[in-house]
Amino acid sequence: MPAITGEEYKKRIGAMKSEVWLDGKMVEGPITEHHAFRGAIQTQAELYDLQHDQKISETMTFSCEKTGNKIGASFMIPKSTADLVKRRSMIQEWARHSGGLMGRSPDYMNTVLASFAASVDVLEGEENCYPDRLLRFYESAREKDWSFTHTFINPQSNRSKLAFLEEDVTNARIIKRLEQGLVIKGAKLLATQGGMTDEILVFSAPGAQERCHAYGFSIPCDTPGLKFVCRQSFTHNESSYNAPLSSRYEEMDTIVIFDEVLVPWDRVFLHDNIKAANQFYTQGKFVPFTLHQIVSRQIIKTELLLGIANHIVETINISEYQHVQSKVVEIIKGLESMKALLHYAESNAETDEAGIVIPSRKSLYVAVNQFQELYPRFTEIIQLLGASGMMTIPHEADFKSSIGEQLDHFLQGVDRKGEERVRLFRLAWDMTMSSFGSRQTLYERFFFGDPVRLSQAIYQIYDHQPSMHFAAKIMKKKS
């Protein structure tokens, strides 16, 4: 099966019997029809349909050498700089459709899986590692255009440096090794889109202290014993006027509980090997590939923020003020810096021995770490520009009521009636102040890890010697 359509995606997810818990109850019936999920599922279906848009199909897909089928370009393992640019173009097409607000749109996890398939050499010859299985799974997933969620974060029960000394009772771990496969018991955090995808990809973050915590596998989301426990839904209103973003892009985050889940051996890529689990992350292509996808999306999200800021400035006619111009320029500088870092990463890509093109992780690390600092400031700028307008945002029903004409008059902007002006400010509010918007800010603050650890990673991978040699040369110069 080549790249799927949106209808195929919805039909597949609607037919699954994944165990999803929300507000103390198990979700009954097709999840595609549930108010907390259908907005994001519909948006995701629209993304799949873009793969078949004749105007952009060459950007959205590529021809598989093995089967000749048209495959989603986010599954592509780049073999040239042109491939890398094609991947970025595809990612940004999807990001434009969702405003960059869906951090777990299918291209992210497709990129993760492609990065794993491109890193199988790290598993070669290692105990309890099965690179051939991983490659076969990758090929099957791209042909069927499966959708994925993933989880690798352990519960926050104890995050001290000595936590590993405690008797573990929470982290998902291997408890049995049977003829049929591994048995997993425990929990993992933060599977975004949990229950809304075909598969869940599960792997260990670096730093596992025990063999039972070192693994990598993928299973269908309706596997017996697998539970997705949702946080509170932020889809409080399904009106595209009242909640223009949360009604369409609320992805949902879940805790994943493994209640003695059996993982068949053909779905196990590695197990009981701490060294391999760590090296697969640190020496594989997960970091550069996924960072390239992340930064590509974040650029589009920044463009949306800039557009909202400019609309506010025009609507209430505040462009003449110097402090307003300075605030808008902050977003412009952030946007152009992100673009430059992304293009630098592509133009300085390197080709490994297998012919795989790897973007420069150094500039991508800088970009994503910078965005962690920039994004909260950008949302603050929207709030500062909007000021009291962020609070004077009546519902659509108010404009349709007997007082609608008065609201149209009293809430008007420059060349805009009140209803249109409020539509803009509801967009700004949903982006920066609603529960959905607040989640977006927290999400970007910690995307790809703790900001301090990311800055440490930059410090460790950066080549300090050229600048030190330069400084030493200047010191030794004689007048």
Protein backbone atom coordinates (compact mmCIF):
# COMPACT_ATOMS: atom_id res chain seq x y z
CA MET A 1 0.00 0.00 0.00
CA PRO A 2 1.48 3.41 -0.94
CA ALA A 3 0.89 6.76 0.83
CA ILE A 4 -2.57 6.62 2.36
CA THR A 5 -5.44 9.10 2.20
CA GLY A 6 -7.08 10.81 5.14
CA GLU A 7 -10.13 8.58 4.86
CA GLU A 8 -7.96 5.47 5.05
CA TYR A 9 -6.24 6.85 8.16
CA LYS A 10 -9.55 7.61 9.90
CA LYS A 11 -11.03 4.25 8.95
CA ARG A 12 -8.00 2.42 10.32
CA ILE A 13 -7.88 4.32 13.62
CA GLY A 14 -11.66 4.17 14.05
CA ALA A 15 -11.60 0.37 13.72
CA MET A 16 -8.95 -0.12 16.42
CA LYS A 17 -9.90 -1.08 19.96
CA SER A 18 -7.18 0.80 21.82
CA GLU A 19 -7.76 1.17 25.55
CA VAL A 20 -7.89 4.93 26.13
CA TRP A 21 -8.92 6.49 29.46
CA LEU A 22 -10.23 10.04 29.79
CA ASP A 23 -11.89 11.69 32.78
CA GLY A 24 -12.06 8.42 34.71
CA LYS A 25 -13.80 6.49 31.94
CA MET A 26 -12.62 4.26 29.14
CA VAL A 27 -13.41 5.81 25.77
CA GLU A 28 -16.21 3.82 24.15
CA GLY A 29 -16.80 3.57 20.44
CA PRO A 30 -14.55 4.87 17.64
CA ILE A 31 -12.04 7.39 18.97
CA THR A 32 -12.40 9.24 15.66
CA GLU A 33 -15.88 10.36 16.78
CA HIS A 34 -14.95 11.45 20.31
CA HIS A 35 -15.02 15.21 20.90
CA ALA A 36 -11.59 15.22 22.57
CA PHE A 37 -9.85 13.59 19.60
CA ARG A 38 -11.82 14.17 16.41
CA GLY A 39 -10.45 17.66 15.71
CA ALA A 40 -6.82 16.52 15.67
CA ILE A 41 -7.72 13.29 13.87
CA GLN A 42 -9.53 15.27 11.16
CA THR A 43 -6.54 17.61 10.79
CA GLN A 44 -4.22 14.64 10.54
CA ALA A 45 -6.47 13.14 7.88
CA GLU A 46 -6.14 16.38 5.92
CA LEU A 47 -2.35 16.05 6.16
CA TYR A 48 -2.52 12.58 4.62
CA ASP A 49 -4.73 13.94 1.84
CA LEU A 50 -2.06 16.50 0.97
CA GLN A 51 0.10 13.58 -0.14
CA HIS A 52 -2.31 13.18 -3.04
CA ASP A 53 -2.62 16.86 -3.98
CA GLN A 54 -1.37 16.92 -7.56
CA LYS A 55 0.12 20.39 -7.14
CA ILE A 56 2.53 19.25 -4.43
CA SER A 57 2.59 15.44 -4.70
CA GLU A 58 6.19 15.48 -5.94
CA THR A 59 7.18 17.30 -2.75
CA MET A 60 5.06 15.13 -0.47
CA THR A 61 6.12 11.70 -1.75
CA PHE A 62 9.02 9.78 -3.27
CA SER A 63 9.24 6.60 -5.34
CA CYS A 64 10.47 3.62 -3.35
CA GLU A 65 13.34 1.91 -5.17
CA LYS A 66 12.30 -1.50 -3.84
CA THR A 67 8.57 -1.45 -4.64
CA GLY A 68 8.08 1.53 -6.97
CA ASN A 69 5.28 2.79 -4.73
CA LYS A 70 4.81 6.45 -3.85
CA ILE A 71 5.83 6.77 -0.20
CA GLY A 72 5.43 9.72 2.16
CA ALA A 73 8.65 11.78 1.96
CA SER A 74 9.01 11.90 5.74
CA PHE A 75 9.98 8.20 5.58
CA MET A 76 12.87 9.06 3.26
CA ILE A 77 16.45 8.37 4.31
CA PRO A 78 18.31 11.19 2.52
CA LYS A 79 21.11 10.20 0.16
CA SER A 80 21.80 13.72 -1.11
CA THR A 81 21.41 17.35 -0.06
CA ALA A 82 18.49 17.52 -2.49
CA ASP A 83 16.80 14.71 -0.53
CA LEU A 84 17.34 16.67 2.67
CA VAL A 85 15.77 19.78 1.14
CA LYS A 86 12.86 17.70 -0.18
CA ARG A 87 12.23 16.31 3.31
CA ARG A 88 12.25 19.82 4.75
CA SER A 89 9.87 21.08 2.06
CA MET A 90 7.45 18.24 2.81
CA ILE A 91 7.66 18.82 6.56
CA GLN A 92 6.95 22.50 6.12
CA GLU A 93 3.99 21.87 3.81
CA TRP A 94 2.37 19.82 6.57
CA ALA A 95 3.41 22.36 9.21
CA ARG A 96 1.75 25.18 7.28
CA HIS A 97 -1.51 23.25 7.27
CA SER A 98 -1.41 22.93 11.08
CA GLY A 99 0.39 26.19 11.88
CA GLY A 100 3.30 24.15 13.22
CA LEU A 101 1.11 23.45 16.26
CA MET A 102 1.13 19.66 15.96
CA GLY A 103 4.52 18.63 17.28
CA ARG A 104 3.63 14.99 16.74
CA SER A 105 2.22 15.19 13.23
CA PRO A 106 3.07 11.95 11.38
CA ASP A 107 6.27 13.35 9.85
CA TYR A 108 7.93 13.53 13.28
CA MET A 109 7.57 9.84 14.07
CA ASN A 110 8.22 8.84 10.45
CA THR A 111 11.48 10.75 10.82
CA VAL A 112 12.26 8.90 14.06
CA LEU A 113 11.67 5.53 12.39
CA ALA A 114 13.76 6.53 9.37
CA SER A 115 16.57 7.61 11.69
CA PHE A 116 16.45 4.21 13.41
CA ALA A 117 16.56 2.38 10.09
CA ALA A 118 19.53 4.54 9.06
CA SER A 119 21.34 3.62 12.29
CA VAL A 120 21.15 -0.18 12.19
CA ASP A 121 24.94 -0.36 11.88
CA VAL A 122 25.13 0.63 15.56
CA LEU A 123 23.27 -2.60 16.45
CA GLU A 124 25.31 -4.90 14.22
CA GLY A 125 27.03 -7.66 16.19
CA GLU A 126 25.60 -6.50 19.53
CA GLU A 127 24.07 -8.99 21.96
CA ASN A 128 20.25 -9.13 21.88
CA CYS A 129 20.06 -6.68 18.98
CA TYR A 130 18.19 -7.36 15.74
CA PRO A 131 18.98 -4.81 13.01
CA ASP A 132 17.36 -6.97 10.31
CA ARG A 133 14.05 -6.93 12.18
CA LEU A 134 14.22 -3.17 12.48
CA LEU A 135 14.87 -2.73 8.76
CA ARG A 136 12.01 -5.06 7.83
CA PHE A 137 9.69 -3.21 10.19
CA TYR A 138 10.69 0.18 8.75
CA GLU A 139 10.03 -1.04 5.21
CA SER A 140 6.65 -2.44 6.21
CA ALA A 141 5.68 0.75 8.08
CA ARG A 142 6.52 3.04 5.17
CA GLU A 143 4.66 0.83 2.67
CA LYS A 144 1.55 0.83 4.86
CA ASP A 145 2.02 4.48 5.89
CA TRP A 146 1.43 3.62 9.53
CA SER A 147 1.00 6.41 12.04
CA PHE A 148 2.99 6.31 15.28
CA THR A 149 3.13 7.67 18.77
CA HIS A 150 6.13 6.95 20.97
CA THR A 151 7.28 6.95 24.56
CA PHE A 152 10.68 6.80 26.23
CA ILE A 153 10.42 9.04 29.32
CA ASN A 154 10.21 7.41 32.77
CA PRO A 155 7.73 8.60 35.42
CA GLN A 156 8.88 11.50 37.62
CA SER A 157 8.71 9.53 40.87
CA ASN A 158 12.36 10.20 41.72
CA ARG A 159 14.73 12.14 39.49
CA SER A 160 17.65 12.50 41.86
CA LYS A 161 21.06 11.23 40.80
CA LEU A 162 20.69 8.27 43.17
CA ALA A 163 17.22 7.28 42.03
CA PHE A 164 18.57 4.10 40.46
CA LEU A 165 19.36 2.76 43.95
CA GLU A 166 15.67 2.57 44.83
CA GLU A 167 13.66 -0.56 44.20
CA ASP A 168 11.94 0.24 40.93
CA VAL A 169 8.17 0.06 40.98
CA THR A 170 7.12 2.47 38.21
CA ASN A 171 9.36 2.40 35.13
CA ALA A 172 8.30 0.08 32.32
CA ARG A 173 10.65 -2.88 32.35
CA ILE A 174 11.08 -6.39 31.02
CA ILE A 175 9.72 -8.86 33.57
CA LYS A 176 9.70 -12.04 31.46
CA ARG A 177 11.41 -13.43 28.39
CA LEU A 178 9.12 -16.04 26.88
CA GLU A 179 9.20 -18.15 23.76
CA GLN A 180 6.60 -15.79 22.25
CA GLY A 181 8.38 -12.56 23.17
CA LEU A 182 9.07 -10.04 25.94
CA VAL A 183 6.62 -9.20 28.71
CA ILE A 184 6.65 -5.51 29.73
CA LYS A 185 5.24 -4.13 32.99
CA GLY A 186 5.24 -0.56 34.30
CA ALA A 187 4.66 2.92 32.92
CA LYS A 188 6.11 5.46 30.52
CA LEU A 189 5.26 9.13 30.18
CA LEU A 190 4.00 11.45 27.56
CA ALA A 191 2.91 9.54 24.50
CA THR A 192 1.44 12.46 22.59
CA GLN A 193 -1.43 11.30 20.37
CA GLY A 194 -1.66 8.09 22.42
CA GLY A 195 -4.58 6.03 21.11
CA MET A 196 -4.81 8.09 17.89
CA THR A 197 -2.22 6.13 15.93
CA ASP A 198 -1.67 2.66 14.48
CA GLU A 199 1.47 1.91 16.50
CA ILE A 200 3.44 2.93 19.56
CA LEU A 201 7.24 2.93 19.29
CA VAL A 202 8.88 2.31 22.66
CA PHE A 203 12.56 2.74 23.40
CA SER A 204 14.92 3.53 26.23
CA ALA A 205 16.32 6.98 26.86
CA PRO A 206 20.08 7.06 27.49
CA GLY A 207 21.09 6.33 31.07
CA ALA A 208 19.35 3.03 31.81
CA GLN A 209 20.92 1.43 34.89
CA GLU A 210 19.50 -2.07 34.56
CA ARG A 211 19.28 -4.45 31.60
CA CYS A 212 15.52 -4.82 32.01
CA HIS A 213 15.14 -1.11 31.17
CA ALA A 214 17.15 -1.32 27.93
CA TYR A 215 14.90 -2.14 24.97
CA GLY A 216 13.36 -0.97 21.74
CA PHE A 217 10.18 -2.26 20.12
CA SER A 218 6.94 -1.29 18.38
CA ILE A 219 3.46 -2.73 18.88
CA PRO A 220 -0.09 -1.89 17.72
CA CYS A 221 -1.86 0.57 19.98
CA ASP A 222 -4.66 -1.91 20.66
CA THR A 223 -2.30 -4.58 22.00
CA PRO A 224 -3.90 -6.30 25.06
CA GLY A 225 -2.71 -4.84 28.38
CA LEU A 226 -1.67 -1.52 26.85
CA LYS A 227 -3.46 1.49 28.36
CA PHE A 228 -3.35 5.19 27.43
CA VAL A 229 -4.39 7.50 30.28
CA CYS A 230 -5.16 11.01 29.02
CA ARG A 231 -4.67 14.35 30.68
CA GLN A 232 -7.63 16.73 30.73
CA SER A 233 -8.76 17.58 27.22
CA PHE A 234 -8.14 21.16 26.10
CA THR A 235 -10.88 20.92 23.48
CA HIS A 236 -13.40 22.90 25.50
CA ASN A 237 -15.22 24.29 22.48
CA GLU A 238 -15.43 22.83 19.00
CA SER A 239 -16.28 26.11 17.31
CA SER A 240 -13.54 27.28 14.93
CA TYR A 241 -14.47 30.85 15.92
CA ASN A 242 -14.35 30.40 19.69
CA ALA A 243 -11.41 28.01 19.70
CA PRO A 244 -9.70 28.31 16.30
CA LEU A 245 -6.65 26.27 17.31
CA SER A 246 -7.64 23.90 20.11
CA SER A 247 -10.69 22.73 18.14
CA ARG A 248 -8.39 21.46 15.37
CA TYR A 249 -4.90 20.82 16.73
CA GLU A 250 -5.29 19.49 20.28
CA GLU A 251 -3.06 16.42 20.16
CA MET A 252 -3.62 15.01 23.67
CA ASP A 253 -0.83 13.69 25.88
CA THR A 254 -1.05 10.35 27.63
CA ILE A 255 0.58 8.20 30.28
CA VAL A 256 1.24 4.71 28.94
CA ILE A 257 0.66 1.74 31.24
CA PHE A 258 2.03 -1.67 30.29
CA ASP A 259 0.01 -4.24 32.21
CA GLU A 260 2.13 -7.29 31.43
CA VAL A 261 2.09 -6.54 27.71
CA LEU A 262 3.44 -9.28 25.44
CA VAL A 263 5.73 -7.93 22.70
CA PRO A 264 6.24 -10.58 19.95
CA TRP A 265 9.88 -11.22 19.08
CA ASP A 266 9.48 -9.97 15.51
CA ARG A 267 8.60 -6.55 17.01
CA VAL A 268 11.65 -6.45 19.33
CA PHE A 269 14.64 -4.53 17.93
CA LEU A 270 16.89 -4.73 20.99
CA HIS A 271 16.62 -5.83 24.61
CA ASP A 272 18.71 -6.35 27.74
CA ASN A 273 21.66 -4.39 26.35
CA ILE A 274 22.39 -1.07 28.10
CA LYS A 275 25.39 -0.24 25.93
CA ALA A 276 23.48 -0.76 22.68
CA ALA A 277 20.47 1.21 23.91
CA ASN A 278 22.69 4.17 24.83
CA GLN A 279 24.80 4.04 21.67
CA PHE A 280 21.76 3.70 19.44
CA TYR A 281 20.67 7.13 20.69
CA THR A 282 24.06 8.86 20.94
CA GLN A 283 25.84 7.37 17.91
CA GLY A 284 22.85 6.83 15.65
CA LYS A 285 21.07 9.38 13.48
CA PHE A 286 18.13 10.02 15.80
CA VAL A 287 19.41 13.43 16.95
CA PRO A 288 20.29 15.08 13.61
CA PHE A 289 17.30 13.67 11.73
CA THR A 290 14.70 14.58 14.33
CA LEU A 291 16.22 18.00 15.04
CA HIS A 292 16.01 18.77 11.33
CA GLN A 293 12.28 17.96 11.40
CA ILE A 294 11.70 19.90 14.62
CA VAL A 295 13.42 23.09 13.50
CA SER A 296 11.66 22.95 10.11
CA ARG A 297 8.30 22.90 11.94
CA GLN A 298 9.26 25.53 14.50
CA ILE A 299 10.11 27.98 11.73
CA ILE A 300 6.55 27.71 10.40
CA LYS A 301 5.16 28.15 13.91
CA THR A 302 7.23 31.32 14.30
CA GLU A 303 5.84 32.62 11.01
CA LEU A 304 2.34 32.14 12.43
CA LEU A 305 3.25 34.06 15.58
CA LEU A 306 4.71 36.87 13.50
CA GLY A 307 1.56 36.98 11.39
CA ILE A 308 -0.67 37.20 14.47
CA ALA A 309 1.50 39.98 15.92
CA ASN A 310 1.33 41.99 12.69
CA HIS A 311 -2.45 41.56 12.45
CA ILE A 312 -2.87 42.87 16.00
CA VAL A 313 -0.65 45.87 15.23
CA GLU A 314 -2.69 46.72 12.13
CA THR A 315 -6.09 46.04 13.67
CA ILE A 316 -5.65 48.45 16.58
CA ASN A 317 -3.30 50.80 14.69
CA ILE A 318 -0.25 50.79 16.96
CA SER A 319 2.53 50.49 14.37
CA GLU A 320 3.85 54.03 14.96
CA TYR A 321 5.10 53.19 18.48
CA GLN A 322 8.79 52.37 18.75
CA HIS A 323 8.32 49.74 21.47
CA VAL A 324 5.76 47.97 19.27
CA GLN A 325 8.16 47.89 16.33
CA SER A 326 10.91 46.54 18.63
CA LYS A 327 8.66 43.74 19.86
CA VAL A 328 7.70 42.67 16.34
CA VAL A 329 11.35 42.79 15.31
CA GLU A 330 12.20 40.39 18.15
CA ILE A 331 10.06 37.79 16.44
CA ILE A 332 11.57 38.65 13.04
CA LYS A 333 15.11 38.20 14.38
CA GLY A 334 14.17 34.87 15.91
CA LEU A 335 12.56 33.70 12.67
CA GLU A 336 15.47 34.69 10.46
CA SER A 337 18.00 33.17 12.88
CA MET A 338 16.13 29.85 12.86
CA LYS A 339 16.00 29.86 9.06
CA ALA A 340 19.73 30.59 8.84
CA LEU A 341 20.62 27.81 11.28
CA LEU A 342 18.47 25.32 9.38
CA HIS A 343 19.99 26.22 6.03
CA TYR A 344 23.47 26.09 7.55
CA ALA A 345 22.72 22.58 8.84
CA GLU A 346 21.69 21.50 5.34
CA SER A 347 24.57 23.15 3.49
CA ASN A 348 27.08 21.66 5.95
CA ALA A 349 25.58 18.17 5.87
CA GLU A 350 27.99 15.25 5.77
CA THR A 351 27.72 11.91 4.00
CA ASP A 352 28.56 8.80 6.01
CA GLU A 353 30.07 5.53 4.78
CA ALA A 354 26.62 4.18 3.89
CA GLY A 355 25.93 7.21 1.68
CA ILE A 356 23.41 8.72 4.11
CA VAL A 357 23.38 12.53 4.27
CA ILE A 358 23.35 13.85 7.83
CA PRO A 359 22.58 17.51 8.57
CA SER A 360 24.91 19.35 10.93
CA ARG A 361 23.69 18.58 14.42
CA LYS A 362 25.64 21.48 15.93
CA SER A 363 23.57 24.26 14.34
CA LEU A 364 20.34 22.29 14.82
CA TYR A 365 21.08 21.89 18.54
CA VAL A 366 21.63 25.64 18.74
CA ALA A 367 18.37 26.32 16.89
CA VAL A 368 16.18 24.10 19.07
CA ASN A 369 17.85 25.28 22.29
CA GLN A 370 17.37 28.88 21.20
CA PHE A 371 13.70 28.25 20.43
CA GLN A 372 13.18 26.96 23.96
CA GLU A 373 14.11 30.46 25.14
CA LEU A 374 12.44 32.39 22.33
CA TYR A 375 9.00 30.81 22.24
CA PRO A 376 7.83 31.93 25.73
CA ARG A 377 9.01 35.46 24.86
CA PHE A 378 7.12 35.40 21.57
CA THR A 379 3.89 34.44 23.33
CA GLU A 380 4.52 37.20 25.85
CA ILE A 381 4.91 39.69 22.99
CA ILE A 382 1.51 38.66 21.59
CA GLN A 383 -0.02 39.24 25.03
CA LEU A 384 1.68 42.63 25.41
CA LEU A 385 0.57 43.78 21.98
CA GLY A 386 -2.99 42.58 22.50
CA ALA A 387 -3.25 43.87 26.10
CA SER A 388 -6.90 44.21 27.19
CA GLY A 389 -8.02 42.95 23.80
CA MET A 390 -6.93 39.49 24.91
CA MET A 391 -9.73 39.55 27.48
CA THR A 392 -12.52 41.23 25.53
CA ILE A 393 -13.32 38.17 23.46
CA PRO A 394 -17.02 37.27 23.60
CA HIS A 395 -18.23 34.03 22.03
CA GLU A 396 -19.58 33.64 18.54
CA ALA A 397 -23.06 33.21 20.03
CA ASP A 398 -22.90 36.73 21.46
CA PHE A 399 -22.49 38.20 17.99
CA LYS A 400 -25.43 36.14 16.75
CA SER A 401 -27.64 37.35 19.61
CA SER A 402 -29.75 40.49 19.94
CA ILE A 403 -26.72 42.43 21.23
CA GLY A 404 -24.52 41.40 18.32
CA GLU A 405 -24.92 44.70 16.48
CA GLN A 406 -23.79 46.63 19.55
CA LEU A 407 -20.78 44.36 20.03
CA ASP A 408 -19.88 44.80 16.36
CA HIS A 409 -19.78 48.55 16.98
CA PHE A 410 -18.11 48.77 20.38
CA LEU A 411 -15.44 46.15 19.70
CA GLN A 412 -14.50 47.33 16.24
CA GLY A 413 -10.91 47.80 15.09
CA VAL A 414 -9.43 49.81 12.25
CA ASP A 415 -11.49 48.84 9.19
CA ARG A 416 -12.82 45.76 11.01
CA LYS A 417 -16.14 45.16 12.66
CA GLY A 418 -16.19 43.79 16.18
CA GLU A 419 -16.88 40.20 15.11
CA GLU A 420 -13.80 40.11 12.87
CA ARG A 421 -11.62 41.89 15.41
CA VAL A 422 -12.61 39.42 18.13
CA ARG A 423 -11.93 36.52 15.74
CA LEU A 424 -8.31 37.70 15.56
CA PHE A 425 -7.99 38.15 19.31
CA ARG A 426 -9.53 34.76 20.00
CA LEU A 427 -6.83 33.32 17.73
CA ALA A 428 -4.15 35.20 19.71
CA TRP A 429 -5.72 34.04 22.99
CA ASP A 430 -5.90 30.40 21.90
CA MET A 431 -2.28 30.61 20.78
CA THR A 432 -0.90 32.08 23.99
CA MET A 433 -3.34 32.08 26.91
CA SER A 434 -5.87 29.27 26.71
CA SER A 435 -5.11 25.88 28.26
CA PHE A 436 -4.17 24.77 24.74
CA GLY A 437 -1.85 27.77 24.31
CA SER A 438 -0.22 27.27 27.72
CA ARG A 439 0.44 23.64 26.84
CA GLN A 440 2.07 24.79 23.60
CA THR A 441 4.44 27.03 25.56
CA LEU A 442 5.38 24.28 28.00
CA TYR A 443 5.81 21.87 25.09
CA GLU A 444 8.29 24.14 23.30
CA ARG A 445 10.14 24.96 26.54
CA PHE A 446 11.11 21.31 26.92
CA PHE A 447 11.02 20.04 23.35
CA PHE A 448 13.91 17.63 22.89
CA GLY A 449 14.83 17.76 26.56
CA ASP A 450 15.74 20.00 29.44
CA PRO A 451 17.21 23.32 28.15
CA VAL A 452 20.20 23.08 30.50
CA ARG A 453 21.06 19.59 29.29
CA LEU A 454 20.73 20.72 25.70
CA SER A 455 23.12 23.59 26.32
CA GLN A 456 25.52 21.09 27.90
CA ALA A 457 25.27 18.95 24.77
CA ILE A 458 26.14 21.97 22.63
CA TYR A 459 29.14 22.74 24.86
CA GLN A 460 30.36 19.15 24.62
CA ILE A 461 30.04 18.72 20.84
CA TYR A 462 31.32 22.17 19.91
CA ASP A 463 34.90 22.42 18.67
CA HIS A 464 36.44 25.05 20.97
CA GLN A 465 39.97 24.74 19.61
CA PRO A 466 39.78 27.06 16.57
CA SER A 467 38.61 30.03 18.63
CA MET A 468 41.20 29.26 21.33
CA HIS A 469 44.01 29.07 18.75
CA PHE A 470 42.81 32.36 17.27
CA ALA A 471 42.79 34.07 20.69
CA ALA A 472 46.24 32.65 21.49
CA LYS A 473 47.59 33.97 18.19
CA ILE A 474 46.26 37.46 18.93
CA MET A 475 47.80 37.33 22.42
CA LYS A 476 51.23 36.55 20.99
CA LYS A 477 51.16 39.31 18.39
CA LYS A 478 53.74 42.01 18.87
CA SER A 479 53.14 45.61 18.02
